[in-house]
């Protein structure tokens, strides 16, 4: 992926989108926690089984050792 103007095409929309989500969450009393990750990669590869009963939270991070052993070469540079 490339961008002619990374600030305008990537960073600004990401910041605005994140702020919109946080503002929406702040309006709902039932929201207790919001976990923001830089990428799905940061929470996807840890060797733990992911099923509908799993709550992905701040303890659910990719494990660089697991990625390396599993040959997720693009991801063990975390």
PDB file of N, CA and C in Angstrom:
ATOM      1  N   UNK A   1       0.845  -1.177   0.000  1.00  0.00           N
ATOM      2  CA  UNK A   1       0.000   0.000   0.000  1.00  0.00           C
ATOM      3  C   UNK A   1       0.886   1.234   0.000  1.00  0.00           C
ATOM      4  N   UNK A   2       0.514   2.198  -0.785  1.00  0.00           N
ATOM      5  CA  UNK A   2       1.268   3.442  -0.800  1.00  0.00           C
ATOM      6  C   UNK A   2       0.276   4.606  -0.805  1.00  0.00           C
ATOM      7  N   UNK A   3       0.758   5.741  -0.393  1.00  0.00           N
ATOM      8  CA  UNK A   3      -0.083   6.931  -0.347  1.00  0.00           C
ATOM      9  C   UNK A   3       0.738   8.128  -0.774  1.00  0.00           C
ATOM     10  N   UNK A   4       0.124   8.982  -1.552  1.00  0.00           N
ATOM     11  CA  UNK A   4       0.813  10.206  -1.962  1.00  0.00           C
ATOM     12  C   UNK A   4       0.977  11.155  -0.782  1.00  0.00           C
ATOM     13  N   UNK A   5      -0.018  11.189   0.074  1.00  0.00           N
ATOM     14  CA  UNK A   5       0.010  12.048   1.260  1.00  0.00           C
ATOM     15  C   UNK A   5      -0.405  11.192   2.454  1.00  0.00           C
ATOM     16  N   UNK A   6       0.552  10.482   3.082  1.00  0.00           N
ATOM     17  CA  UNK A   6       0.214   9.573   4.181  1.00  0.00           C
ATOM     18  C   UNK A   6      -0.567  10.237   5.318  1.00  0.00           C
ATOM     19  N   UNK A   7      -0.238  11.474   5.643  1.00  0.00           N
ATOM     20  CA  UNK A   7      -0.951  12.167   6.717  1.00  0.00           C
ATOM     21  C   UNK A   7      -2.435  12.275   6.383  1.00  0.00           C
ATOM     22  N   UNK A   8      -2.731  12.763   5.184  1.00  0.00           N
ATOM     23  CA  UNK A   8      -4.126  12.985   4.794  1.00  0.00           C
ATOM     24  C   UNK A   8      -4.858  11.693   4.444  1.00  0.00           C
ATOM     25  N   UNK A   9      -4.155  10.736   3.868  1.00  0.00           N
ATOM     26  CA  UNK A   9      -4.806   9.519   3.387  1.00  0.00           C
ATOM     27  C   UNK A   9      -4.851   8.389   4.404  1.00  0.00           C
ATOM     28  N   UNK A  10      -3.938   8.369   5.362  1.00  0.00           N
ATOM     29  CA  UNK A  10      -3.886   7.260   6.312  1.00  0.00           C
ATOM     30  C   UNK A  10      -4.048   7.699   7.760  1.00  0.00           C
ATOM     31  N   UNK A  11      -3.225   8.625   8.192  1.00  0.00           N
ATOM     32  CA  UNK A  11      -3.194   8.996   9.606  1.00  0.00           C
ATOM     33  C   UNK A  11      -4.438   9.764  10.028  1.00  0.00           C
ATOM     34  N   UNK A  12      -4.773  10.814   9.302  1.00  0.00           N
ATOM     35  CA  UNK A  12      -5.939  11.620   9.680  1.00  0.00           C
ATOM     36  C   UNK A  12      -7.226  10.796   9.729  1.00  0.00           C
ATOM     37  N   UNK A  13      -7.522   9.973   8.710  1.00  0.00           N
ATOM     38  CA  UNK A  13      -8.742   9.154   8.802  1.00  0.00           C
ATOM     39  C   UNK A  13      -8.708   8.161   9.969  1.00  0.00           C
ATOM     40  N   UNK A  14      -7.553   7.604  10.274  1.00  0.00           N
ATOM     41  CA  UNK A  14      -7.447   6.661  11.392  1.00  0.00           C
ATOM     42  C   UNK A  14      -7.707   7.372  12.721  1.00  0.00           C
ATOM     43  N   UNK A  15      -7.139   8.555  12.898  1.00  0.00           N
ATOM     44  CA  UNK A  15      -7.345   9.315  14.128  1.00  0.00           C
ATOM     45  C   UNK A  15      -8.811   9.733  14.250  1.00  0.00           C
ATOM     46  N   UNK A  16      -9.377  10.248  13.161  1.00  0.00           N
ATOM     47  CA  UNK A  16     -10.779  10.674  13.193  1.00  0.00           C
ATOM     48  C   UNK A  16     -11.699   9.493  13.474  1.00  0.00           C
ATOM     49  N   UNK A  17     -11.441   8.365  12.851  1.00  0.00           N
ATOM     50  CA  UNK A  17     -12.261   7.181  13.075  1.00  0.00           C
ATOM     51  C   UNK A  17     -12.183   6.703  14.512  1.00  0.00           C
ATOM     52  N   UNK A  18     -10.980   6.696  15.080  1.00  0.00           N
ATOM     53  CA  UNK A  18     -10.790   6.278  16.468  1.00  0.00           C
ATOM     54  C   UNK A  18     -11.521   7.227  17.414  1.00  0.00           C
ATOM     55  N   UNK A  19     -11.394   8.515  17.174  1.00  0.00           N
ATOM     56  CA  UNK A  19     -12.090   9.494  18.010  1.00  0.00           C
ATOM     57  C   UNK A  19     -13.605   9.338  17.906  1.00  0.00           C
ATOM     58  N   UNK A  20     -14.115   9.051  16.713  1.00  0.00           N
ATOM     59  CA  UNK A  20     -15.556   8.834  16.544  1.00  0.00           C
ATOM     60  C   UNK A  20     -16.020   7.635  17.359  1.00  0.00           C
ATOM     61  N   UNK A  21     -15.253   6.554  17.335  1.00  0.00           N
ATOM     62  CA  UNK A  21     -15.608   5.365  18.116  1.00  0.00           C
ATOM     63  C   UNK A  21     -15.590   5.677  19.601  1.00  0.00           C
ATOM     64  N   UNK A  22     -14.541   6.346  20.067  1.00  0.00           N
ATOM     65  CA  UNK A  22     -14.444   6.675  21.488  1.00  0.00           C
ATOM     66  C   UNK A  22     -15.568   7.611  21.940  1.00  0.00           C
ATOM     67  N   UNK A  23     -15.913   8.573  21.106  1.00  0.00           N
ATOM     68  CA  UNK A  23     -17.017   9.475  21.456  1.00  0.00           C
ATOM     69  C   UNK A  23     -18.336   8.714  21.528  1.00  0.00           C
ATOM     70  N   UNK A  24     -18.547   7.796  20.623  1.00  0.00           N
ATOM     71  CA  UNK A  24     -19.760   6.979  20.652  1.00  0.00           C
ATOM     72  C   UNK A  24     -19.789   6.101  21.894  1.00  0.00           C
ATOM     73  N   UNK A  25     -18.663   5.507  22.235  1.00  0.00           N
ATOM     74  CA  UNK A  25     -18.580   4.660  23.433  1.00  0.00           C
ATOM     75  C   UNK A  25     -18.849   5.458  24.700  1.00  0.00           C
ATOM     76  N   UNK A  26     -18.383   6.689  24.727  1.00  0.00           N
ATOM     77  CA  UNK A  26     -18.566   7.531  25.912  1.00  0.00           C
ATOM     78  C   UNK A  26     -20.039   7.861  26.154  1.00  0.00           C
ATOM     79  N   UNK A  27     -20.860   7.751  25.125  1.00  0.00           N
ATOM     80  CA  UNK A  27     -22.282   8.055  25.249  1.00  0.00           C
ATOM     81  C   UNK A  27     -23.096   6.873  25.774  1.00  0.00           C
ATOM     82  N   UNK A  28     -22.485   5.692  25.841  1.00  0.00           N
ATOM     83  CA  UNK A  28     -23.207   4.479  26.214  1.00  0.00           C
ATOM     84  C   UNK A  28     -22.681   3.974  27.553  1.00  0.00           C
ATOM     85  N   UNK A  29     -23.529   3.957  28.553  1.00  0.00           N
ATOM     86  CA  UNK A  29     -23.100   3.568  29.895  1.00  0.00           C
ATOM     87  C   UNK A  29     -22.679   2.113  29.992  1.00  0.00           C
ATOM     88  N   UNK A  30     -23.189   1.254  29.114  1.00  0.00           N
ATOM     89  CA  UNK A  30     -22.862  -0.172  29.207  1.00  0.00           C
ATOM     90  C   UNK A  30     -21.455  -0.492  28.708  1.00  0.00           C
ATOM     91  N   UNK A  31     -20.812   0.424  28.009  1.00  0.00           N
ATOM     92  CA  UNK A  31     -19.443   0.197  27.553  1.00  0.00           C
ATOM     93  C   UNK A  31     -18.510   0.404  28.734  1.00  0.00           C
ATOM     94  N   UNK A  32     -17.814  -0.658  29.114  1.00  0.00           N
ATOM     95  CA  UNK A  32     -16.924  -0.607  30.275  1.00  0.00           C
ATOM     96  C   UNK A  32     -15.460  -0.437  29.879  1.00  0.00           C
ATOM     97  N   UNK A  33     -15.113  -0.901  28.690  1.00  0.00           N
ATOM     98  CA  UNK A  33     -13.719  -0.888  28.295  1.00  0.00           C
ATOM     99  C   UNK A  33     -13.634  -0.831  26.767  1.00  0.00           C
ATOM    100  N   UNK A  34     -12.663  -0.118  26.282  1.00  0.00           N
ATOM    101  CA  UNK A  34     -12.365  -0.060  24.853  1.00  0.00           C
ATOM    102  C   UNK A  34     -10.897  -0.404  24.697  1.00  0.00           C
ATOM    103  N   UNK A  35     -10.603  -1.366  23.838  1.00  0.00           N
ATOM    104  CA  UNK A  35      -9.221  -1.746  23.577  1.00  0.00           C
ATOM    105  C   UNK A  35      -8.881  -1.304  22.156  1.00  0.00           C
ATOM    106  N   UNK A  36      -7.875  -0.478  22.044  1.00  0.00           N
ATOM    107  CA  UNK A  36      -7.438   0.017  20.742  1.00  0.00           C
ATOM    108  C   UNK A  36      -6.106  -0.638  20.414  1.00  0.00           C
ATOM    109  N   UNK A  37      -6.029  -1.245  19.246  1.00  0.00           N
ATOM    110  CA  UNK A  37      -4.776  -1.838  18.801  1.00  0.00           C
ATOM    111  C   UNK A  37      -4.335  -1.154  17.519  1.00  0.00           C
ATOM    112  N   UNK A  38      -3.059  -1.186  17.292  1.00  0.00           N
ATOM    113  CA  UNK A  38      -2.530  -0.544  16.094  1.00  0.00           C
ATOM    114  C   UNK A  38      -2.852  -1.346  14.847  1.00  0.00           C
ATOM    115  N   UNK A  39      -3.081  -2.617  15.019  1.00  0.00           N
ATOM    116  CA  UNK A  39      -3.316  -3.508  13.891  1.00  0.00           C
ATOM    117  C   UNK A  39      -3.898  -4.802  14.409  1.00  0.00           C
ATOM    118  N   UNK A  40      -4.630  -5.492  13.576  1.00  0.00           N
ATOM    119  CA  UNK A  40      -5.134  -6.812  13.962  1.00  0.00           C
ATOM    120  C   UNK A  40      -3.970  -7.751  14.252  1.00  0.00           C
ATOM    121  N   UNK A  41      -2.834  -7.501  13.641  1.00  0.00           N
ATOM    122  CA  UNK A  41      -1.655  -8.335  13.863  1.00  0.00           C
ATOM    123  C   UNK A  41      -1.226  -8.303  15.320  1.00  0.00           C
ATOM    124  N   UNK A  42      -1.472  -7.195  15.996  1.00  0.00           N
ATOM    125  CA  UNK A  42      -1.042  -7.092  17.382  1.00  0.00           C
ATOM    126  C   UNK A  42      -1.836  -7.987  18.322  1.00  0.00           C
ATOM    127  N   UNK A  43      -2.958  -8.516  17.864  1.00  0.00           N
ATOM    128  CA  UNK A  43      -3.789  -9.346  18.740  1.00  0.00           C
ATOM    129  C   UNK A  43      -4.214 -10.666  18.114  1.00  0.00           C
ATOM    130  N   UNK A  44      -3.648 -11.031  16.998  1.00  0.00           N
ATOM    131  CA  UNK A  44      -4.156 -12.191  16.263  1.00  0.00           C
ATOM    132  C   UNK A  44      -3.376 -13.471  16.495  1.00  0.00           C
ATOM    133  N   UNK A  45      -2.072 -13.386  16.618  1.00  0.00           N
ATOM    134  CA  UNK A  45      -1.225 -14.579  16.621  1.00  0.00           C
ATOM    135  C   UNK A  45      -0.592 -14.812  17.993  1.00  0.00           C
ATOM    136  N   UNK A  46      -1.261 -15.621  18.823  1.00  0.00           N
ATOM    137  CA  UNK A  46      -0.704 -15.918  20.137  1.00  0.00           C
ATOM    138  C   UNK A  46      -0.835 -17.387  20.516  1.00  0.00           C
ATOM    139  N   UNK A  47      -1.415 -18.197  19.656  1.00  0.00           N
ATOM    140  CA  UNK A  47      -1.547 -19.617  19.921  1.00  0.00           C
ATOM    141  C   UNK A  47      -2.754 -19.978  20.759  1.00  0.00           C
ATOM    142  N   UNK A  48      -3.496 -18.988  21.240  1.00  0.00           N
ATOM    143  CA  UNK A  48      -4.689 -19.257  22.033  1.00  0.00           C
ATOM    144  C   UNK A  48      -5.855 -19.537  21.090  1.00  0.00           C
ATOM    145  N   UNK A  49      -6.723 -20.470  21.463  1.00  0.00           N
ATOM    146  CA  UNK A  49      -7.893 -20.717  20.615  1.00  0.00           C
ATOM    147  C   UNK A  49      -8.862 -19.543  20.676  1.00  0.00           C
ATOM    148  N   UNK A  50      -9.335 -19.144  19.531  1.00  0.00           N
ATOM    149  CA  UNK A  50     -10.286 -18.037  19.447  1.00  0.00           C
ATOM    150  C   UNK A  50     -11.644 -18.619  19.088  1.00  0.00           C
ATOM    151  N   UNK A  51     -12.607 -18.455  19.966  1.00  0.00           N
ATOM    152  CA  UNK A  51     -13.957 -18.944  19.716  1.00  0.00           C
ATOM    153  C   UNK A  51     -14.937 -17.882  20.193  1.00  0.00           C
ATOM    154  N   UNK A  52     -16.222 -18.077  19.971  1.00  0.00           N
ATOM    155  CA  UNK A  52     -17.197 -17.046  20.328  1.00  0.00           C
ATOM    156  C   UNK A  52     -17.234 -16.681  21.812  1.00  0.00           C
ATOM    157  N   UNK A  53     -16.736 -17.560  22.689  1.00  0.00           N
ATOM    158  CA  UNK A  53     -16.750 -17.271  24.127  1.00  0.00           C
ATOM    159  C   UNK A  53     -15.553 -16.452  24.597  1.00  0.00           C
ATOM    160  N   UNK A  54     -14.572 -16.256  23.737  1.00  0.00           N
ATOM    161  CA  UNK A  54     -13.352 -15.544  24.117  1.00  0.00           C
ATOM    162  C   UNK A  54     -13.595 -14.040  24.085  1.00  0.00           C
ATOM    163  N   UNK A  55     -13.149 -13.380  25.132  1.00  0.00           N
ATOM    164  CA  UNK A  55     -13.171 -11.918  25.167  1.00  0.00           C
ATOM    165  C   UNK A  55     -11.757 -11.454  24.848  1.00  0.00           C
ATOM    166  N   UNK A  56     -11.612 -10.760  23.731  1.00  0.00           N
ATOM    167  CA  UNK A  56     -10.304 -10.236  23.346  1.00  0.00           C
ATOM    168  C   UNK A  56     -10.142  -8.890  24.034  1.00  0.00           C
ATOM    169  N   UNK A  57      -9.128  -8.806  24.923  1.00  0.00           N
ATOM    170  CA  UNK A  57      -8.895  -7.583  25.674  1.00  0.00           C
ATOM    171  C   UNK A  57      -7.408  -7.264  25.688  1.00  0.00           C
ATOM    172  N   UNK A  58      -6.988  -6.423  26.633  1.00  0.00           N
ATOM    173  CA  UNK A  58      -5.589  -5.982  26.664  1.00  0.00           C
ATOM    174  C   UNK A  58      -4.609  -7.100  26.989  1.00  0.00           C
ATOM    175  N   UNK A  59      -5.099  -8.251  27.421  1.00  0.00           N
ATOM    176  CA  UNK A  59      -4.200  -9.384  27.684  1.00  0.00           C
ATOM    177  C   UNK A  59      -3.999 -10.247  26.445  1.00  0.00           C
ATOM    178  N   UNK A  60      -4.698  -9.968  25.388  1.00  0.00           N
ATOM    179  CA  UNK A  60      -4.705 -10.792  24.189  1.00  0.00           C
ATOM    180  C   UNK A  60      -3.770 -10.174  23.140  1.00  0.00           C
ATOM    181  N   UNK A  61      -2.477 -10.410  23.292  1.00  0.00           N
ATOM    182  CA  UNK A  61      -1.499  -9.853  22.368  1.00  0.00           C
ATOM    183  C   UNK A  61      -0.821 -10.949  21.581  1.00  0.00           C
ATOM    184  N   UNK A  62      -0.377 -10.626  20.370  1.00  0.00           N
ATOM    185  CA  UNK A  62       0.407 -11.577  19.603  1.00  0.00           C
ATOM    186  C   UNK A  62       1.701 -11.874  20.339  1.00  0.00           C
ATOM    187  N   UNK A  63       2.107 -13.106  20.264  1.00  0.00           N
ATOM    188  CA  UNK A  63       3.335 -13.556  20.914  1.00  0.00           C
ATOM    189  C   UNK A  63       4.412 -13.695  19.841  1.00  0.00           C
ATOM    190  N   UNK A  64       5.437 -12.840  19.867  1.00  0.00           N
ATOM    191  CA  UNK A  64       6.484 -12.921  18.839  1.00  0.00           C
ATOM    192  C   UNK A  64       7.114 -14.308  18.739  1.00  0.00           C
ATOM    193  N   UNK A  65       7.280 -15.006  19.859  1.00  0.00           N
ATOM    194  CA  UNK A  65       7.853 -16.360  19.829  1.00  0.00           C
ATOM    195  C   UNK A  65       6.932 -17.311  19.087  1.00  0.00           C
ATOM    196  N   UNK A  66       5.635 -17.219  19.365  1.00  0.00           N
ATOM    197  CA  UNK A  66       4.662 -18.067  18.664  1.00  0.00           C
ATOM    198  C   UNK A  66       4.693 -17.780  17.165  1.00  0.00           C
ATOM    199  N   UNK A  67       4.739 -16.512  16.799  1.00  0.00           N
ATOM    200  CA  UNK A  67       4.767 -16.139  15.384  1.00  0.00           C
ATOM    201  C   UNK A  67       6.001 -16.703  14.694  1.00  0.00           C
ATOM    202  N   UNK A  68       7.122 -16.612  15.363  1.00  0.00           N
ATOM    203  CA  UNK A  68       8.370 -17.113  14.790  1.00  0.00           C
ATOM    204  C   UNK A  68       8.306 -18.627  14.610  1.00  0.00           C
ATOM    205  N   UNK A  69       7.864 -19.330  15.650  1.00  0.00           N
ATOM    206  CA  UNK A  69       7.749 -20.784  15.581  1.00  0.00           C
ATOM    207  C   UNK A  69       6.726 -21.224  14.546  1.00  0.00           C
ATOM    208  N   UNK A  70       5.678 -20.452  14.379  1.00  0.00           N
ATOM    209  CA  UNK A  70       4.605 -20.789  13.447  1.00  0.00           C
ATOM    210  C   UNK A  70       4.908 -20.325  12.028  1.00  0.00           C
ATOM    211  N   UNK A  71       6.038 -19.694  11.851  1.00  0.00           N
ATOM    212  CA  UNK A  71       6.477 -19.205  10.541  1.00  0.00           C
ATOM    213  C   UNK A  71       5.616 -18.058  10.009  1.00  0.00           C
ATOM    214  N   UNK A  72       5.038 -17.279  10.908  1.00  0.00           N
ATOM    215  CA  UNK A  72       4.328 -16.071  10.497  1.00  0.00           C
ATOM    216  C   UNK A  72       5.377 -14.986  10.309  1.00  0.00           C
ATOM    217  N   UNK A  73       6.166 -15.134   9.259  1.00  0.00           N
ATOM    218  CA  UNK A  73       7.347 -14.293   9.070  1.00  0.00           C
ATOM    219  C   UNK A  73       7.016 -12.813   9.021  1.00  0.00           C
ATOM    220  N   UNK A  74       5.901 -12.466   8.460  1.00  0.00           N
ATOM    221  CA  UNK A  74       5.552 -11.049   8.365  1.00  0.00           C
ATOM    222  C   UNK A  74       5.192 -10.473   9.722  1.00  0.00           C
ATOM    223  N   UNK A  75       4.910 -11.339  10.685  1.00  0.00           N
ATOM    224  CA  UNK A  75       4.384 -10.861  11.945  1.00  0.00           C
ATOM    225  C   UNK A  75       5.315 -11.004  13.123  1.00  0.00           C
ATOM    226  N   UNK A  76       6.395 -11.756  13.029  1.00  0.00           N
ATOM    227  CA  UNK A  76       7.223 -11.910  14.206  1.00  0.00           C
ATOM    228  C   UNK A  76       8.236 -10.782  14.366  1.00  0.00           C
ATOM    229  N   UNK A  77       8.036  -9.748  13.610  1.00  0.00           N
ATOM    230  CA  UNK A  77       8.853  -8.537  13.775  1.00  0.00           C
ATOM    231  C   UNK A  77       8.157  -7.531  14.679  1.00  0.00           C
ATOM    232  N   UNK A  78       7.104  -7.956  15.351  1.00  0.00           N
ATOM    233  CA  UNK A  78       6.330  -7.074  16.218  1.00  0.00           C
ATOM    234  C   UNK A  78       7.216  -6.415  17.247  1.00  0.00           C
TER     235      UNK A  78
END
